């Protein structure tokens, strides 16, 4: 189980770095979907959890929402907008990858300063949970502030939520599973609303550059 946890967390790190360097939004959506599917398995492979009903419900909800529902909504919004790439981001792709590497180093350093719960200290994969969760949150914030397109910013929001999900599921042992399920529901509502907003923005203005909306006047 430890090796599977480690694989999932390393996959999240690699896909986060790939998101920073990719301009093709459809590929980015599929990468975030793959993250959601693998992270959905996390509650099932954690120590002292096993195949409990609450773990199964959370895993199924995460896989269905993050791996199927959200990507389909975002791919539909992309087809409606008719723009396949992110052109001229606020922070360039090379600079974004460099920042991502710095964020990874900072997250790894900060992870060594935090003490894991006793049941998780002996697992190599679990030791990566703190830095990977912090890294995902930082990458999500970077995508939100460094990209012009609303669709890419929604992806950043999902990546940031994945980081919160990793931290909550892996480390907060006393947190009820109902809270995690409630978080997924909140994310579903947020992405659904953003999908509708993206559709109307692209229909009215023929673009999704949120920075251009600041010039609108009454």
N, C-alpha and C. Protein backbone atom coordinates (compact mmCIF):
# COMPACT_ATOMS: atom_id res chain seq x y z
N UNK A 1 0.82 -1.21 0.00
CA UNK A 1 0.00 0.00 0.00
C UNK A 1 0.86 1.26 0.00
N UNK A 2 1.98 1.20 0.72
CA UNK A 2 2.84 2.38 0.79
C UNK A 2 3.36 2.76 -0.58
N UNK A 3 3.72 1.75 -1.40
CA UNK A 3 4.24 2.05 -2.73
C UNK A 3 3.17 2.65 -3.62
N UNK A 4 1.92 2.22 -3.46
CA UNK A 4 0.82 2.79 -4.26
C UNK A 4 0.56 4.23 -3.85
N UNK A 5 0.59 4.51 -2.55
CA UNK A 5 0.42 5.90 -2.09
C UNK A 5 1.53 6.77 -2.65
N UNK A 6 2.74 6.25 -2.61
CA UNK A 6 3.88 7.00 -3.13
C UNK A 6 3.72 7.28 -4.62
N UNK A 7 3.27 6.27 -5.37
CA UNK A 7 3.06 6.45 -6.81
C UNK A 7 2.02 7.53 -7.08
N UNK A 8 0.92 7.51 -6.35
CA UNK A 8 -0.14 8.50 -6.56
C UNK A 8 0.38 9.91 -6.30
N UNK A 9 1.11 10.08 -5.22
CA UNK A 9 1.60 11.42 -4.86
C UNK A 9 2.65 11.91 -5.85
N UNK A 10 3.54 11.03 -6.30
CA UNK A 10 4.53 11.43 -7.30
C UNK A 10 3.85 11.79 -8.62
N UNK A 11 2.82 11.04 -8.97
CA UNK A 11 2.06 11.36 -10.18
C UNK A 11 1.44 12.75 -10.08
N UNK A 12 0.93 13.09 -8.92
CA UNK A 12 0.35 14.43 -8.72
C UNK A 12 1.41 15.50 -8.93
N UNK A 13 2.61 15.29 -8.39
CA UNK A 13 3.70 16.27 -8.55
C UNK A 13 4.05 16.45 -10.02
N UNK A 14 4.21 15.36 -10.75
CA UNK A 14 4.60 15.43 -12.15
C UNK A 14 3.51 16.09 -13.00
N UNK A 15 2.26 15.75 -12.75
CA UNK A 15 1.18 16.36 -13.53
C UNK A 15 1.03 17.85 -13.21
N UNK A 16 1.28 18.23 -11.96
CA UNK A 16 1.23 19.66 -11.61
C UNK A 16 2.27 20.45 -12.40
N UNK A 17 3.49 19.92 -12.49
CA UNK A 17 4.53 20.59 -13.27
C UNK A 17 4.18 20.63 -14.75
N UNK A 18 3.56 19.55 -15.24
CA UNK A 18 3.14 19.52 -16.65
C UNK A 18 2.08 20.57 -16.92
N UNK A 19 1.16 20.77 -15.98
CA UNK A 19 0.11 21.78 -16.15
C UNK A 19 0.71 23.17 -16.31
N UNK A 20 1.81 23.44 -15.61
CA UNK A 20 2.44 24.76 -15.70
C UNK A 20 3.08 25.00 -17.05
N UNK A 21 3.47 23.94 -17.75
CA UNK A 21 4.17 24.12 -19.01
C UNK A 21 3.35 23.83 -20.23
N UNK A 22 2.06 23.52 -20.07
CA UNK A 22 1.22 23.15 -21.21
C UNK A 22 0.26 24.28 -21.55
N UNK A 23 0.13 24.55 -22.83
CA UNK A 23 -0.80 25.58 -23.30
C UNK A 23 -2.11 24.98 -23.82
N UNK A 24 -2.14 23.67 -24.07
CA UNK A 24 -3.33 23.01 -24.58
C UNK A 24 -4.27 22.70 -23.42
N UNK A 25 -5.42 23.36 -23.43
CA UNK A 25 -6.33 23.22 -22.30
C UNK A 25 -6.97 21.84 -22.23
N UNK A 26 -7.23 21.22 -23.37
CA UNK A 26 -7.84 19.89 -23.34
C UNK A 26 -6.90 18.90 -22.65
N UNK A 27 -5.61 19.02 -22.92
CA UNK A 27 -4.63 18.14 -22.26
C UNK A 27 -4.59 18.43 -20.77
N UNK A 28 -4.66 19.70 -20.40
CA UNK A 28 -4.65 20.06 -18.97
C UNK A 28 -5.89 19.51 -18.26
N UNK A 29 -7.05 19.57 -18.93
CA UNK A 29 -8.27 19.04 -18.33
C UNK A 29 -8.14 17.55 -18.09
N UNK A 30 -7.56 16.84 -19.04
CA UNK A 30 -7.40 15.38 -18.89
C UNK A 30 -6.39 15.04 -17.80
N UNK A 31 -5.37 15.87 -17.65
CA UNK A 31 -4.40 15.64 -16.57
C UNK A 31 -5.06 15.81 -15.20
N UNK A 32 -5.88 16.85 -15.06
CA UNK A 32 -6.58 17.07 -13.80
C UNK A 32 -7.58 15.93 -13.56
N UNK A 33 -8.20 15.43 -14.63
CA UNK A 33 -9.11 14.28 -14.48
C UNK A 33 -8.35 13.05 -13.99
N UNK A 34 -7.16 12.82 -14.55
CA UNK A 34 -6.35 11.68 -14.10
C UNK A 34 -5.96 11.84 -12.64
N UNK A 35 -5.63 13.06 -12.23
CA UNK A 35 -5.36 13.31 -10.81
C UNK A 35 -6.56 12.93 -9.95
N UNK A 36 -7.74 13.34 -10.38
CA UNK A 36 -8.94 13.06 -9.60
C UNK A 36 -9.21 11.58 -9.45
N UNK A 37 -8.98 10.82 -10.53
CA UNK A 37 -9.22 9.38 -10.47
C UNK A 37 -8.25 8.71 -9.50
N UNK A 38 -6.97 9.04 -9.61
CA UNK A 38 -5.98 8.42 -8.72
C UNK A 38 -6.18 8.85 -7.27
N UNK A 39 -6.47 10.13 -7.07
CA UNK A 39 -6.70 10.60 -5.70
C UNK A 39 -7.95 9.97 -5.11
N UNK A 40 -8.90 9.59 -5.97
CA UNK A 40 -10.08 8.91 -5.48
C UNK A 40 -9.75 7.57 -4.84
N UNK A 41 -8.63 6.97 -5.26
CA UNK A 41 -8.21 5.69 -4.68
C UNK A 41 -7.53 5.86 -3.32
N UNK A 42 -7.14 7.08 -3.01
CA UNK A 42 -6.35 7.32 -1.80
C UNK A 42 -7.04 6.84 -0.52
N UNK A 43 -8.35 7.11 -0.33
CA UNK A 43 -8.98 6.64 0.91
C UNK A 43 -8.98 5.12 1.06
N UNK A 44 -8.86 4.39 -0.06
CA UNK A 44 -8.93 2.93 -0.03
C UNK A 44 -7.59 2.28 0.30
N UNK A 45 -6.50 3.03 0.15
CA UNK A 45 -5.17 2.44 0.35
C UNK A 45 -4.47 2.99 1.58
N UNK A 46 -5.14 3.86 2.32
CA UNK A 46 -4.52 4.42 3.52
C UNK A 46 -4.48 3.38 4.63
N UNK A 47 -3.46 3.42 5.48
CA UNK A 47 -3.39 2.47 6.60
C UNK A 47 -4.52 2.70 7.59
N UNK A 48 -5.01 1.62 8.17
CA UNK A 48 -6.03 1.65 9.21
C UNK A 48 -7.37 2.17 8.71
N UNK A 49 -7.56 2.19 7.39
CA UNK A 49 -8.86 2.58 6.85
C UNK A 49 -9.53 1.39 6.17
N UNK A 50 -8.86 0.88 5.12
CA UNK A 50 -9.40 -0.29 4.45
C UNK A 50 -10.67 0.03 3.69
N UNK A 51 -11.41 -1.03 3.36
CA UNK A 51 -12.61 -0.88 2.54
C UNK A 51 -13.83 -0.65 3.41
N UNK A 52 -13.83 0.44 4.13
CA UNK A 52 -15.00 0.81 4.93
C UNK A 52 -16.02 1.49 4.04
N UNK A 53 -17.24 1.57 4.53
CA UNK A 53 -18.31 2.19 3.74
C UNK A 53 -18.02 3.65 3.47
N UNK A 54 -17.55 4.38 4.50
CA UNK A 54 -17.26 5.81 4.31
C UNK A 54 -16.14 6.02 3.31
N UNK A 55 -15.10 5.16 3.36
CA UNK A 55 -14.00 5.28 2.40
C UNK A 55 -14.48 4.99 0.99
N UNK A 56 -15.32 4.00 0.83
CA UNK A 56 -15.84 3.66 -0.50
C UNK A 56 -16.70 4.79 -1.06
N UNK A 57 -17.53 5.40 -0.21
CA UNK A 57 -18.38 6.50 -0.67
C UNK A 57 -17.53 7.69 -1.11
N UNK A 58 -16.53 8.03 -0.30
CA UNK A 58 -15.67 9.16 -0.65
C UNK A 58 -14.87 8.88 -1.92
N UNK A 59 -14.35 7.65 -2.05
CA UNK A 59 -13.58 7.29 -3.23
C UNK A 59 -14.45 7.36 -4.48
N UNK A 60 -15.65 6.82 -4.40
CA UNK A 60 -16.55 6.82 -5.55
C UNK A 60 -16.95 8.25 -5.94
N UNK A 61 -17.26 9.08 -4.92
CA UNK A 61 -17.64 10.46 -5.20
C UNK A 61 -16.49 11.22 -5.85
N UNK A 62 -15.28 11.02 -5.37
CA UNK A 62 -14.12 11.71 -5.93
C UNK A 62 -13.86 11.28 -7.37
N UNK A 63 -13.92 9.97 -7.63
CA UNK A 63 -13.64 9.48 -8.98
C UNK A 63 -14.69 9.96 -9.96
N UNK A 64 -15.96 9.88 -9.57
CA UNK A 64 -17.04 10.28 -10.48
C UNK A 64 -17.01 11.77 -10.75
N UNK A 65 -16.88 12.57 -9.69
CA UNK A 65 -16.92 14.03 -9.86
C UNK A 65 -15.65 14.56 -10.53
N UNK A 66 -14.48 14.21 -9.96
CA UNK A 66 -13.22 14.77 -10.46
C UNK A 66 -12.74 14.09 -11.72
N UNK A 67 -13.07 12.83 -11.90
CA UNK A 67 -12.57 12.11 -13.05
C UNK A 67 -13.50 12.08 -14.24
N UNK A 68 -14.81 12.34 -14.01
CA UNK A 68 -15.78 12.24 -15.10
C UNK A 68 -16.60 13.52 -15.26
N UNK A 69 -17.29 13.92 -14.20
CA UNK A 69 -18.24 15.03 -14.32
C UNK A 69 -17.54 16.36 -14.60
N UNK A 70 -16.57 16.73 -13.77
CA UNK A 70 -15.87 17.99 -13.95
C UNK A 70 -15.18 18.08 -15.32
N UNK A 71 -14.41 17.06 -15.72
CA UNK A 71 -13.76 17.14 -17.05
C UNK A 71 -14.76 17.30 -18.19
N UNK A 72 -15.89 16.61 -18.12
CA UNK A 72 -16.87 16.74 -19.20
C UNK A 72 -17.45 18.14 -19.25
N UNK A 73 -17.72 18.73 -18.08
CA UNK A 73 -18.21 20.11 -18.05
C UNK A 73 -17.19 21.08 -18.64
N UNK A 74 -15.92 20.90 -18.28
CA UNK A 74 -14.89 21.81 -18.75
C UNK A 74 -14.59 21.61 -20.24
N UNK A 75 -14.59 20.37 -20.70
CA UNK A 75 -14.37 20.12 -22.13
C UNK A 75 -15.52 20.70 -22.96
N UNK A 76 -16.72 20.61 -22.43
CA UNK A 76 -17.86 21.21 -23.12
C UNK A 76 -17.72 22.73 -23.18
N UNK A 77 -17.29 23.33 -22.07
CA UNK A 77 -17.07 24.78 -22.06
C UNK A 77 -15.98 25.17 -23.05
N UNK A 78 -14.94 24.34 -23.16
CA UNK A 78 -13.86 24.62 -24.10
C UNK A 78 -14.36 24.57 -25.54
N UNK A 79 -15.16 23.57 -25.87
CA UNK A 79 -15.71 23.47 -27.22
C UNK A 79 -16.61 24.66 -27.54
N UNK A 80 -17.36 25.10 -26.54
CA UNK A 80 -18.23 26.26 -26.75
C UNK A 80 -17.43 27.52 -27.01
N UNK A 81 -16.34 27.69 -26.25
CA UNK A 81 -15.50 28.89 -26.41
C UNK A 81 -14.74 28.86 -27.72
N UNK A 82 -14.36 27.68 -28.20
CA UNK A 82 -13.66 27.56 -29.47
C UNK A 82 -12.20 27.93 -29.43
N UNK A 83 -11.61 28.10 -28.26
CA UNK A 83 -10.19 28.43 -28.12
C UNK A 83 -9.50 27.25 -27.44
N UNK A 84 -8.52 26.66 -28.12
CA UNK A 84 -7.91 25.44 -27.64
C UNK A 84 -6.67 25.67 -26.79
N UNK A 85 -6.07 26.84 -26.88
CA UNK A 85 -4.80 27.09 -26.19
C UNK A 85 -4.88 28.33 -25.32
N UNK A 86 -3.97 28.38 -24.37
CA UNK A 86 -3.80 29.57 -23.52
C UNK A 86 -2.65 30.39 -24.09
N UNK A 87 -2.99 31.52 -24.73
CA UNK A 87 -1.98 32.37 -25.34
C UNK A 87 -1.62 33.52 -24.40
N UNK A 88 -0.34 33.85 -24.38
CA UNK A 88 0.18 34.99 -23.63
C UNK A 88 -0.30 35.02 -22.18
N UNK A 89 0.07 34.01 -21.40
CA UNK A 89 -0.28 34.04 -19.97
C UNK A 89 0.44 35.17 -19.26
N UNK A 90 -0.06 35.55 -18.12
CA UNK A 90 0.55 36.64 -17.35
C UNK A 90 1.98 36.27 -16.98
N UNK A 91 2.19 35.04 -16.57
CA UNK A 91 3.53 34.50 -16.30
C UNK A 91 3.80 33.43 -17.33
N UNK A 92 4.91 33.55 -18.07
CA UNK A 92 5.23 32.61 -19.13
C UNK A 92 5.38 31.18 -18.65
N UNK A 93 5.38 30.26 -19.60
CA UNK A 93 5.42 28.84 -19.24
C UNK A 93 6.76 28.44 -18.62
N UNK A 94 7.85 28.94 -19.17
CA UNK A 94 9.16 28.62 -18.60
C UNK A 94 9.28 29.17 -17.19
N UNK A 95 8.84 30.41 -17.01
CA UNK A 95 8.88 31.01 -15.67
C UNK A 95 7.95 30.28 -14.71
N UNK A 96 6.82 29.82 -15.22
CA UNK A 96 5.88 29.08 -14.37
C UNK A 96 6.49 27.77 -13.88
N UNK A 97 7.18 27.05 -14.79
CA UNK A 97 7.82 25.80 -14.40
C UNK A 97 8.91 26.06 -13.36
N UNK A 98 9.67 27.13 -13.56
CA UNK A 98 10.71 27.48 -12.59
C UNK A 98 10.10 27.78 -11.23
N UNK A 99 9.02 28.54 -11.22
CA UNK A 99 8.33 28.81 -9.95
C UNK A 99 7.80 27.52 -9.34
N UNK A 100 7.30 26.63 -10.20
CA UNK A 100 6.81 25.35 -9.70
C UNK A 100 7.89 24.55 -9.02
N UNK A 101 9.09 24.53 -9.58
CA UNK A 101 10.21 23.82 -8.97
C UNK A 101 10.57 24.45 -7.63
N UNK A 102 10.55 25.79 -7.58
CA UNK A 102 10.82 26.47 -6.31
C UNK A 102 9.75 26.15 -5.28
N UNK A 103 8.50 26.12 -5.71
CA UNK A 103 7.41 25.75 -4.80
C UNK A 103 7.58 24.32 -4.29
N UNK A 104 8.03 23.43 -5.17
CA UNK A 104 8.24 22.05 -4.76
C UNK A 104 9.34 21.95 -3.70
N UNK A 105 10.44 22.68 -3.93
CA UNK A 105 11.53 22.67 -2.96
C UNK A 105 11.07 23.25 -1.62
N UNK A 106 10.31 24.35 -1.68
CA UNK A 106 9.79 24.95 -0.44
C UNK A 106 8.85 23.99 0.28
N UNK A 107 7.99 23.31 -0.49
CA UNK A 107 7.03 22.38 0.12
C UNK A 107 7.75 21.19 0.76
N UNK A 108 8.79 20.69 0.08
CA UNK A 108 9.55 19.58 0.65
C UNK A 108 10.24 20.00 1.94
N UNK A 109 10.79 21.22 1.94
CA UNK A 109 11.45 21.73 3.16
C UNK A 109 10.44 21.91 4.28
N UNK A 110 9.29 22.50 3.96
CA UNK A 110 8.29 22.72 4.99
C UNK A 110 7.73 21.40 5.51
N UNK A 111 7.64 20.40 4.60
CA UNK A 111 7.14 19.09 5.02
C UNK A 111 8.03 18.43 6.05
N UNK A 112 9.33 18.70 5.97
CA UNK A 112 10.24 18.12 6.95
C UNK A 112 10.13 18.79 8.32
N UNK A 113 9.52 19.96 8.36
CA UNK A 113 9.38 20.69 9.63
C UNK A 113 8.11 20.32 10.38
N UNK A 114 7.22 19.60 9.71
CA UNK A 114 5.95 19.22 10.33
C UNK A 114 6.00 17.76 10.73
N UNK A 115 5.47 17.46 11.90
CA UNK A 115 5.51 16.09 12.41
C UNK A 115 4.25 15.34 12.00
N UNK A 116 4.44 14.14 11.45
CA UNK A 116 3.32 13.32 11.02
C UNK A 116 2.68 12.63 12.22
N UNK A 117 1.40 12.26 12.11
CA UNK A 117 0.79 11.43 13.15
C UNK A 117 1.54 10.10 13.27
N UNK A 118 1.52 9.52 14.44
CA UNK A 118 2.30 8.32 14.72
C UNK A 118 2.02 7.17 13.75
N UNK A 119 0.77 6.86 13.37
CA UNK A 119 0.54 5.73 12.47
C UNK A 119 1.13 5.92 11.07
N UNK A 120 1.47 7.16 10.70
CA UNK A 120 1.92 7.43 9.35
C UNK A 120 3.43 7.62 9.24
N UNK A 121 4.13 7.65 10.37
CA UNK A 121 5.55 8.00 10.34
C UNK A 121 6.40 6.96 9.63
N UNK A 122 5.99 5.72 9.65
CA UNK A 122 6.79 4.65 9.06
C UNK A 122 6.54 4.44 7.58
N UNK A 123 5.61 5.16 6.99
CA UNK A 123 5.26 4.98 5.58
C UNK A 123 5.91 6.06 4.73
N UNK A 124 6.70 5.62 3.74
CA UNK A 124 7.38 6.57 2.87
C UNK A 124 6.37 7.41 2.09
N UNK A 125 5.33 6.74 1.57
CA UNK A 125 4.33 7.46 0.80
C UNK A 125 3.61 8.51 1.62
N UNK A 126 3.28 8.15 2.86
CA UNK A 126 2.57 9.10 3.71
C UNK A 126 3.43 10.31 4.03
N UNK A 127 4.74 10.12 4.11
CA UNK A 127 5.63 11.24 4.40
C UNK A 127 5.59 12.29 3.29
N UNK A 128 5.19 11.88 2.09
CA UNK A 128 5.09 12.82 0.97
C UNK A 128 3.78 13.59 0.98
N UNK A 129 2.83 13.18 1.82
CA UNK A 129 1.50 13.77 1.76
C UNK A 129 1.52 15.26 2.07
N UNK A 130 2.25 15.65 3.11
CA UNK A 130 2.29 17.07 3.49
C UNK A 130 2.92 17.93 2.39
N UNK A 131 4.13 17.64 1.91
CA UNK A 131 4.70 18.48 0.86
C UNK A 131 3.90 18.46 -0.44
N UNK A 132 3.34 17.31 -0.81
CA UNK A 132 2.57 17.24 -2.05
C UNK A 132 1.28 18.04 -1.93
N UNK A 133 0.64 17.98 -0.78
CA UNK A 133 -0.59 18.76 -0.59
C UNK A 133 -0.29 20.26 -0.63
N UNK A 134 0.78 20.70 0.04
CA UNK A 134 1.17 22.10 -0.01
C UNK A 134 1.56 22.52 -1.42
N UNK A 135 2.29 21.65 -2.11
CA UNK A 135 2.71 21.94 -3.48
C UNK A 135 1.51 22.09 -4.40
N UNK A 136 0.50 21.24 -4.26
CA UNK A 136 -0.69 21.33 -5.10
C UNK A 136 -1.46 22.61 -4.84
N UNK A 137 -1.55 23.00 -3.58
CA UNK A 137 -2.24 24.25 -3.25
C UNK A 137 -1.52 25.44 -3.88
N UNK A 138 -0.19 25.46 -3.80
CA UNK A 138 0.58 26.56 -4.39
C UNK A 138 0.46 26.58 -5.92
N UNK A 139 0.49 25.39 -6.53
CA UNK A 139 0.36 25.32 -7.99
C UNK A 139 -1.01 25.80 -8.41
N UNK A 140 -2.05 25.41 -7.67
CA UNK A 140 -3.38 25.88 -7.99
C UNK A 140 -3.50 27.40 -7.92
N UNK A 141 -2.92 27.98 -6.88
CA UNK A 141 -2.93 29.44 -6.76
C UNK A 141 -2.15 30.09 -7.91
N UNK A 142 -1.02 29.48 -8.29
CA UNK A 142 -0.22 30.03 -9.39
C UNK A 142 -1.00 30.00 -10.69
N UNK A 143 -1.72 28.92 -10.97
CA UNK A 143 -2.52 28.84 -12.18
C UNK A 143 -3.63 29.89 -12.17
N UNK A 144 -4.21 30.13 -11.01
CA UNK A 144 -5.30 31.10 -10.93
C UNK A 144 -4.81 32.52 -11.23
N UNK A 145 -3.64 32.89 -10.70
CA UNK A 145 -3.19 34.27 -10.84
C UNK A 145 -2.34 34.50 -12.09
N UNK A 146 -1.86 33.43 -12.72
CA UNK A 146 -0.93 33.62 -13.85
C UNK A 146 -1.54 33.34 -15.20
N UNK A 147 -2.80 32.95 -15.26
CA UNK A 147 -3.45 32.64 -16.53
C UNK A 147 -4.59 33.60 -16.78
N UNK A 148 -4.79 33.93 -18.07
CA UNK A 148 -5.82 34.89 -18.45
C UNK A 148 -7.19 34.25 -18.63
N UNK A 149 -7.22 33.02 -19.10
CA UNK A 149 -8.47 32.38 -19.45
C UNK A 149 -9.19 31.85 -18.22
N UNK A 150 -10.50 32.07 -18.19
CA UNK A 150 -11.30 31.64 -17.04
C UNK A 150 -11.27 30.13 -16.89
N UNK A 151 -11.23 29.40 -18.01
CA UNK A 151 -11.23 27.94 -17.94
C UNK A 151 -9.98 27.41 -17.26
N UNK A 152 -8.83 27.98 -17.58
CA UNK A 152 -7.58 27.55 -16.95
C UNK A 152 -7.58 27.91 -15.47
N UNK A 153 -8.20 29.01 -15.11
CA UNK A 153 -8.29 29.38 -13.71
C UNK A 153 -9.16 28.40 -12.93
N UNK A 154 -10.20 27.88 -13.57
CA UNK A 154 -11.01 26.84 -12.93
C UNK A 154 -10.17 25.60 -12.67
N UNK A 155 -9.29 25.24 -13.62
CA UNK A 155 -8.39 24.11 -13.42
C UNK A 155 -7.48 24.35 -12.22
N UNK A 156 -6.99 25.58 -12.08
CA UNK A 156 -6.18 25.92 -10.92
C UNK A 156 -6.95 25.74 -9.62
N UNK A 157 -8.22 26.09 -9.63
CA UNK A 157 -9.07 25.91 -8.46
C UNK A 157 -9.19 24.43 -8.11
N UNK A 158 -9.33 23.58 -9.15
CA UNK A 158 -9.44 22.14 -8.91
C UNK A 158 -8.13 21.56 -8.38
N UNK A 159 -7.01 22.03 -8.92
CA UNK A 159 -5.71 21.55 -8.43
C UNK A 159 -5.51 21.95 -6.98
N UNK A 160 -5.90 23.16 -6.64
CA UNK A 160 -5.78 23.61 -5.25
C UNK A 160 -6.66 22.75 -4.33
N UNK A 161 -7.87 22.42 -4.79
CA UNK A 161 -8.74 21.56 -3.99
C UNK A 161 -8.16 20.17 -3.84
N UNK A 162 -7.46 19.68 -4.88
CA UNK A 162 -6.80 18.38 -4.77
C UNK A 162 -5.77 18.38 -3.64
N UNK A 163 -5.05 19.49 -3.50
CA UNK A 163 -4.09 19.60 -2.41
C UNK A 163 -4.77 19.55 -1.05
N UNK A 164 -5.88 20.27 -0.92
CA UNK A 164 -6.63 20.23 0.34
C UNK A 164 -7.16 18.82 0.60
N UNK A 165 -7.59 18.16 -0.45
CA UNK A 165 -8.11 16.80 -0.35
C UNK A 165 -7.04 15.83 0.15
N UNK A 166 -5.83 15.94 -0.42
CA UNK A 166 -4.73 15.07 0.01
C UNK A 166 -4.44 15.27 1.48
N UNK A 167 -4.38 16.52 1.90
CA UNK A 167 -4.07 16.81 3.31
C UNK A 167 -5.17 16.27 4.22
N UNK A 168 -6.42 16.53 3.86
CA UNK A 168 -7.52 16.11 4.72
C UNK A 168 -7.66 14.61 4.83
N UNK A 169 -7.59 13.92 3.68
CA UNK A 169 -7.79 12.47 3.67
C UNK A 169 -6.61 11.74 4.31
N UNK A 170 -5.39 12.22 4.05
CA UNK A 170 -4.20 11.49 4.50
C UNK A 170 -3.82 11.77 5.94
N UNK A 171 -4.05 12.98 6.42
CA UNK A 171 -3.44 13.39 7.68
C UNK A 171 -4.42 13.71 8.79
N UNK A 172 -5.60 14.19 8.44
CA UNK A 172 -6.54 14.58 9.49
C UNK A 172 -7.39 13.36 9.82
N UNK A 173 -6.87 12.51 10.71
CA UNK A 173 -7.48 11.22 10.97
C UNK A 173 -8.83 11.34 11.68
N UNK A 174 -9.03 12.40 12.47
CA UNK A 174 -10.27 12.52 13.23
C UNK A 174 -11.37 13.20 12.44
N UNK A 175 -11.09 13.70 11.26
CA UNK A 175 -12.10 14.45 10.51
C UNK A 175 -13.14 13.49 9.94
N UNK A 176 -14.41 13.76 10.15
CA UNK A 176 -15.45 12.87 9.62
C UNK A 176 -15.41 12.85 8.09
N UNK A 177 -15.70 11.69 7.53
CA UNK A 177 -15.74 11.58 6.07
C UNK A 177 -16.86 12.42 5.47
N UNK A 178 -17.87 12.71 6.27
CA UNK A 178 -18.97 13.53 5.76
C UNK A 178 -18.49 14.91 5.37
N UNK A 179 -17.50 15.45 6.11
CA UNK A 179 -16.95 16.76 5.79
C UNK A 179 -16.27 16.74 4.43
N UNK A 180 -15.48 15.68 4.17
CA UNK A 180 -14.81 15.56 2.89
C UNK A 180 -15.82 15.45 1.75
N UNK A 181 -16.90 14.70 1.97
CA UNK A 181 -17.93 14.58 0.95
C UNK A 181 -18.60 15.93 0.72
N UNK A 182 -18.79 16.70 1.80
CA UNK A 182 -19.35 18.03 1.65
C UNK A 182 -18.47 18.96 0.86
N UNK A 183 -17.14 18.82 1.03
CA UNK A 183 -16.20 19.62 0.24
C UNK A 183 -16.34 19.30 -1.24
N UNK A 184 -16.46 18.01 -1.56
CA UNK A 184 -16.65 17.62 -2.96
C UNK A 184 -17.93 18.23 -3.54
N UNK A 185 -18.99 18.27 -2.74
CA UNK A 185 -20.23 18.86 -3.21
C UNK A 185 -20.06 20.35 -3.48
N UNK A 186 -19.34 21.04 -2.59
CA UNK A 186 -19.07 22.46 -2.80
C UNK A 186 -18.29 22.69 -4.09
N UNK A 187 -17.29 21.84 -4.33
CA UNK A 187 -16.50 21.96 -5.54
C UNK A 187 -17.36 21.72 -6.77
N UNK A 188 -18.26 20.75 -6.69
CA UNK A 188 -19.15 20.46 -7.81
C UNK A 188 -20.00 21.68 -8.16
N UNK A 189 -20.58 22.30 -7.14
CA UNK A 189 -21.41 23.48 -7.38
C UNK A 189 -20.57 24.61 -7.98
N UNK A 190 -19.35 24.81 -7.44
CA UNK A 190 -18.50 25.89 -7.93
C UNK A 190 -18.12 25.68 -9.39
N UNK A 191 -17.71 24.45 -9.75
CA UNK A 191 -17.33 24.18 -11.13
C UNK A 191 -18.53 24.30 -12.06
N UNK A 192 -19.68 23.84 -11.62
CA UNK A 192 -20.88 23.94 -12.44
C UNK A 192 -21.23 25.40 -12.73
N UNK A 193 -21.17 26.23 -11.69
CA UNK A 193 -21.46 27.66 -11.86
C UNK A 193 -20.42 28.31 -12.77
N UNK A 194 -19.13 27.97 -12.58
CA UNK A 194 -18.09 28.53 -13.42
C UNK A 194 -18.26 28.10 -14.87
N UNK A 195 -18.71 26.86 -15.09
CA UNK A 195 -18.96 26.41 -16.45
C UNK A 195 -20.03 27.24 -17.13
N UNK A 196 -21.09 27.55 -16.40
CA UNK A 196 -22.15 28.40 -16.95
C UNK A 196 -21.62 29.80 -17.22
N UNK A 197 -20.82 30.34 -16.29
CA UNK A 197 -20.25 31.68 -16.47
C UNK A 197 -19.34 31.72 -17.69
N UNK A 198 -18.50 30.70 -17.86
CA UNK A 198 -17.60 30.65 -19.01
C UNK A 198 -18.40 30.63 -20.31
N UNK A 199 -19.48 29.86 -20.33
CA UNK A 199 -20.32 29.78 -21.53
C UNK A 199 -20.88 31.15 -21.89
N UNK A 200 -21.41 31.87 -20.91
CA UNK A 200 -22.00 33.18 -21.19
C UNK A 200 -20.95 34.22 -21.55
N UNK A 201 -19.78 34.16 -20.90
CA UNK A 201 -18.72 35.10 -21.24
C UNK A 201 -18.26 34.91 -22.68
N UNK A 202 -18.03 33.66 -23.07
CA UNK A 202 -17.56 33.39 -24.43
C UNK A 202 -18.62 33.72 -25.46
N UNK A 203 -19.90 33.56 -25.12
CA UNK A 203 -20.96 33.86 -26.08
C UNK A 203 -21.14 35.36 -26.28
N UNK A 204 -20.98 36.13 -25.21
CA UNK A 204 -21.21 37.57 -25.29
C UNK A 204 -19.99 38.33 -25.80
N UNK A 205 -18.77 37.87 -25.45
CA UNK A 205 -17.58 38.65 -25.74
C UNK A 205 -16.60 37.95 -26.67
N UNK A 206 -16.89 36.72 -27.09
CA UNK A 206 -16.02 35.96 -28.00
C UNK A 206 -14.63 35.72 -27.43
N UNK A 207 -14.48 35.74 -26.13
CA UNK A 207 -13.21 35.41 -25.49
C UNK A 207 -13.48 35.07 -24.03
N UNK A 208 -12.45 34.55 -23.37
CA UNK A 208 -12.56 34.23 -21.94
C UNK A 208 -11.44 34.89 -21.15
N UNK A 209 -10.88 36.00 -21.66
CA UNK A 209 -9.81 36.70 -20.95
C UNK A 209 -10.43 37.50 -19.82
N UNK A 210 -10.24 37.05 -18.59
CA UNK A 210 -10.87 37.72 -17.47
C UNK A 210 -10.26 39.08 -17.21
N UNK A 211 -9.00 39.29 -17.63
CA UNK A 211 -8.40 40.59 -17.39
C UNK A 211 -9.04 41.68 -18.23
N UNK A 212 -9.63 41.30 -19.38
CA UNK A 212 -10.29 42.28 -20.22
C UNK A 212 -11.63 42.72 -19.64
N UNK A 213 -12.18 41.94 -18.73
CA UNK A 213 -13.46 42.32 -18.13
C UNK A 213 -13.33 43.53 -17.23
N UNK A 214 -12.12 43.87 -16.83
CA UNK A 214 -11.93 45.04 -15.96
C UNK A 214 -12.18 46.36 -16.68
N UNK A 215 -12.19 46.32 -18.03
CA UNK A 215 -12.42 47.56 -18.78
C UNK A 215 -13.89 47.81 -19.03
N UNK A 216 -14.76 46.89 -18.61
CA UNK A 216 -16.19 47.07 -18.83
C UNK A 216 -16.71 48.22 -17.95
N UNK A 217 -17.59 48.98 -18.52
CA UNK A 217 -18.19 50.11 -17.80
C UNK A 217 -19.70 50.06 -17.95
N UNK A 218 -20.39 50.80 -17.06
CA UNK A 218 -21.84 50.82 -17.09
C UNK A 218 -22.33 51.49 -18.37
